[in-house]
Amino acid sequence: MTEELESSPLCDTCMTLEGVHEERLNQDKKWGLQDHDDGYWLAILTEELGEVATEIQNKDKQRLREELYQVAAVAVAWIEALDRKELERMKGLN
């Protein structure tokens, strides 16, 4: 059973999401808690996507993988910021 799980798509997803989580921790350590407006988040995400495009051009699969983790982590950070803002809004209604 363990061998089947280790090679399953679910396990691959879990391992990938762990990498995204690690990148989120790195971002928080480097930048602290970030609460930007949506336009600024879009600019950050677009900049990261530009780095993905660069690594595709460079044909550097390892750097491409690292940049994709950063894209995913920025998207998660944006969602977290949206959730914090919504929570604050809901608290204000009470």
C-alpha atoms as a PDB file:
ATOM      1  CA  MET A   1       0.000   0.000   0.000  1.00  0.00           C
ATOM      2  CA  THR A   2       2.788   2.463   0.842  1.00  0.00           C
ATOM      3  CA  GLU A   3       4.520   1.845  -2.494  1.00  0.00           C
ATOM      4  CA  GLU A   4       1.259   2.540  -4.332  1.00  0.00           C
ATOM      5  CA  LEU A   5       0.746   5.772  -2.385  1.00  0.00           C
ATOM      6  CA  GLU A   6       4.300   6.959  -3.007  1.00  0.00           C
ATOM      7  CA  SER A   7       3.763   6.851  -6.763  1.00  0.00           C
ATOM      8  CA  SER A   8       0.176   8.086  -6.806  1.00  0.00           C
ATOM      9  CA  PRO A   9      -0.911  11.399  -8.353  1.00  0.00           C
ATOM     10  CA  LEU A  10      -2.312  12.425  -4.948  1.00  0.00           C
ATOM     11  CA  CYS A  11       1.104  11.990  -3.372  1.00  0.00           C
ATOM     12  CA  ASP A  12       2.649  14.026  -6.206  1.00  0.00           C
ATOM     13  CA  THR A  13       0.137  16.794  -5.514  1.00  0.00           C
ATOM     14  CA  CYS A  14       0.875  16.708  -1.794  1.00  0.00           C
ATOM     15  CA  MET A  15       4.604  16.967  -2.445  1.00  0.00           C
ATOM     16  CA  THR A  16       4.065  19.866  -4.846  1.00  0.00           C
ATOM     17  CA  LEU A  17       1.816  21.683  -2.386  1.00  0.00           C
ATOM     18  CA  GLU A  18       4.449  21.181   0.310  1.00  0.00           C
ATOM     19  CA  GLY A  19       6.872  23.008  -1.983  1.00  0.00           C
ATOM     20  CA  VAL A  20       4.374  25.847  -2.375  1.00  0.00           C
ATOM     21  CA  HIS A  21       3.988  25.961   1.413  1.00  0.00           C
ATOM     22  CA  GLU A  22       7.761  26.144   1.861  1.00  0.00           C
ATOM     23  CA  GLU A  23       7.927  29.022  -0.616  1.00  0.00           C
ATOM     24  CA  ARG A  24       5.128  30.829   1.260  1.00  0.00           C
ATOM     25  CA  LEU A  25       7.127  30.499   4.469  1.00  0.00           C
ATOM     26  CA  ASN A  26      10.183  31.901   2.665  1.00  0.00           C
ATOM     27  CA  GLN A  27       8.146  34.824   1.372  1.00  0.00           C
ATOM     28  CA  ASP A  28       6.768  35.626   4.820  1.00  0.00           C
ATOM     29  CA  LYS A  29      10.249  35.446   6.299  1.00  0.00           C
ATOM     30  CA  LYS A  30      11.622  37.757   3.607  1.00  0.00           C
ATOM     31  CA  TRP A  31       8.737  40.245   3.236  1.00  0.00           C
ATOM     32  CA  GLY A  32       6.554  39.811   6.324  1.00  0.00           C
ATOM     33  CA  LEU A  33       2.782  39.880   6.204  1.00  0.00           C
ATOM     34  CA  GLN A  34       1.623  41.577   3.014  1.00  0.00           C
ATOM     35  CA  ASP A  35      -1.774  43.132   2.405  1.00  0.00           C
ATOM     36  CA  HIS A  36      -1.745  44.847  -0.970  1.00  0.00           C
ATOM     37  CA  ASP A  37      -4.591  45.989  -3.166  1.00  0.00           C
ATOM     38  CA  ASP A  38      -5.528  43.692  -6.035  1.00  0.00           C
ATOM     39  CA  GLY A  39      -3.720  45.776  -8.632  1.00  0.00           C
ATOM     40  CA  TYR A  40      -0.447  45.490  -6.755  1.00  0.00           C
ATOM     41  CA  TRP A  41      -0.915  41.748  -6.279  1.00  0.00           C
ATOM     42  CA  LEU A  42      -1.497  41.454 -10.008  1.00  0.00           C
ATOM     43  CA  ALA A  43       1.738  43.331 -10.668  1.00  0.00           C
ATOM     44  CA  ILE A  44       3.671  40.958  -8.382  1.00  0.00           C
ATOM     45  CA  LEU A  45       2.122  37.906 -10.010  1.00  0.00           C
ATOM     46  CA  THR A  46       2.793  39.273 -13.486  1.00  0.00           C
ATOM     47  CA  GLU A  47       6.430  39.910 -12.601  1.00  0.00           C
ATOM     48  CA  GLU A  48       6.742  36.312 -11.407  1.00  0.00           C
ATOM     49  CA  LEU A  49       5.126  35.059 -14.613  1.00  0.00           C
ATOM     50  CA  GLY A  50       7.681  37.072 -16.548  1.00  0.00           C
ATOM     51  CA  GLU A  51      10.400  35.158 -14.731  1.00  0.00           C
ATOM     52  CA  VAL A  52       8.683  31.904 -15.740  1.00  0.00           C
ATOM     53  CA  ALA A  53       8.769  33.057 -19.356  1.00  0.00           C
ATOM     54  CA  THR A  54      12.472  33.866 -19.047  1.00  0.00           C
ATOM     55  CA  GLU A  55      13.279  30.392 -17.756  1.00  0.00           C
ATOM     56  CA  ILE A  56      11.244  28.821 -20.570  1.00  0.00           C
ATOM     57  CA  GLN A  57      13.376  30.804 -23.016  1.00  0.00           C
ATOM     58  CA  ASN A  58      16.544  29.773 -21.153  1.00  0.00           C
ATOM     59  CA  LYS A  59      15.418  26.127 -21.158  1.00  0.00           C
ATOM     60  CA  ASP A  60      16.439  25.882 -17.501  1.00  0.00           C
ATOM     61  CA  LYS A  61      14.000  23.348 -16.062  1.00  0.00           C
ATOM     62  CA  GLN A  62      15.251  23.666 -12.472  1.00  0.00           C
ATOM     63  CA  ARG A  63      14.882  27.465 -12.440  1.00  0.00           C
ATOM     64  CA  LEU A  64      11.532  27.123 -14.235  1.00  0.00           C
ATOM     65  CA  ARG A  65      10.339  24.832 -11.461  1.00  0.00           C
ATOM     66  CA  GLU A  66      11.518  27.305  -8.798  1.00  0.00           C
ATOM     67  CA  GLU A  67       9.773  30.190 -10.545  1.00  0.00           C
ATOM     68  CA  LEU A  68       6.545  28.202 -10.836  1.00  0.00           C
ATOM     69  CA  TYR A  69       6.638  27.596  -7.088  1.00  0.00           C
ATOM     70  CA  GLN A  70       6.985  31.348  -6.630  1.00  0.00           C
ATOM     71  CA  VAL A  71       4.001  31.996  -8.913  1.00  0.00           C
ATOM     72  CA  ALA A  72       1.881  29.534  -6.946  1.00  0.00           C
ATOM     73  CA  ALA A  73       3.022  30.955  -3.618  1.00  0.00           C
ATOM     74  CA  VAL A  74       2.223  34.529  -4.686  1.00  0.00           C
ATOM     75  CA  ALA A  75      -1.263  33.404  -5.748  1.00  0.00           C
ATOM     76  CA  VAL A  76      -1.732  31.760  -2.350  1.00  0.00           C
ATOM     77  CA  ALA A  77      -0.480  34.889  -0.570  1.00  0.00           C
ATOM     78  CA  TRP A  78      -2.989  36.955  -2.541  1.00  0.00           C
ATOM     79  CA  ILE A  79      -5.824  34.616  -1.522  1.00  0.00           C
ATOM     80  CA  GLU A  80      -4.677  34.808   2.098  1.00  0.00           C
ATOM     81  CA  ALA A  81      -4.724  38.622   1.910  1.00  0.00           C
ATOM     82  CA  LEU A  82      -8.232  38.575   0.438  1.00  0.00           C
ATOM     83  CA  ASP A  83      -9.386  36.271   3.229  1.00  0.00           C
ATOM     84  CA  ARG A  84      -7.859  38.532   5.900  1.00  0.00           C
ATOM     85  CA  LYS A  85      -9.611  41.566   4.408  1.00  0.00           C
ATOM     86  CA  GLU A  86     -12.926  39.705   4.308  1.00  0.00           C
ATOM     87  CA  LEU A  87     -12.503  38.572   7.909  1.00  0.00           C
ATOM     88  CA  GLU A  88     -11.804  42.151   8.983  1.00  0.00           C
ATOM     89  CA  ARG A  89     -14.847  43.331   7.035  1.00  0.00           C
ATOM     90  CA  MET A  90     -17.017  40.693   8.713  1.00  0.00           C
ATOM     91  CA  LYS A  91     -15.699  41.640  12.146  1.00  0.00           C
ATOM     92  CA  GLY A  92     -16.655  45.225  11.446  1.00  0.00           C
ATOM     93  CA  LEU A  93     -20.246  44.185  10.817  1.00  0.00           C
ATOM     94  CA  ASN A  94     -20.627  42.708  14.311  1.00  0.00           C
END
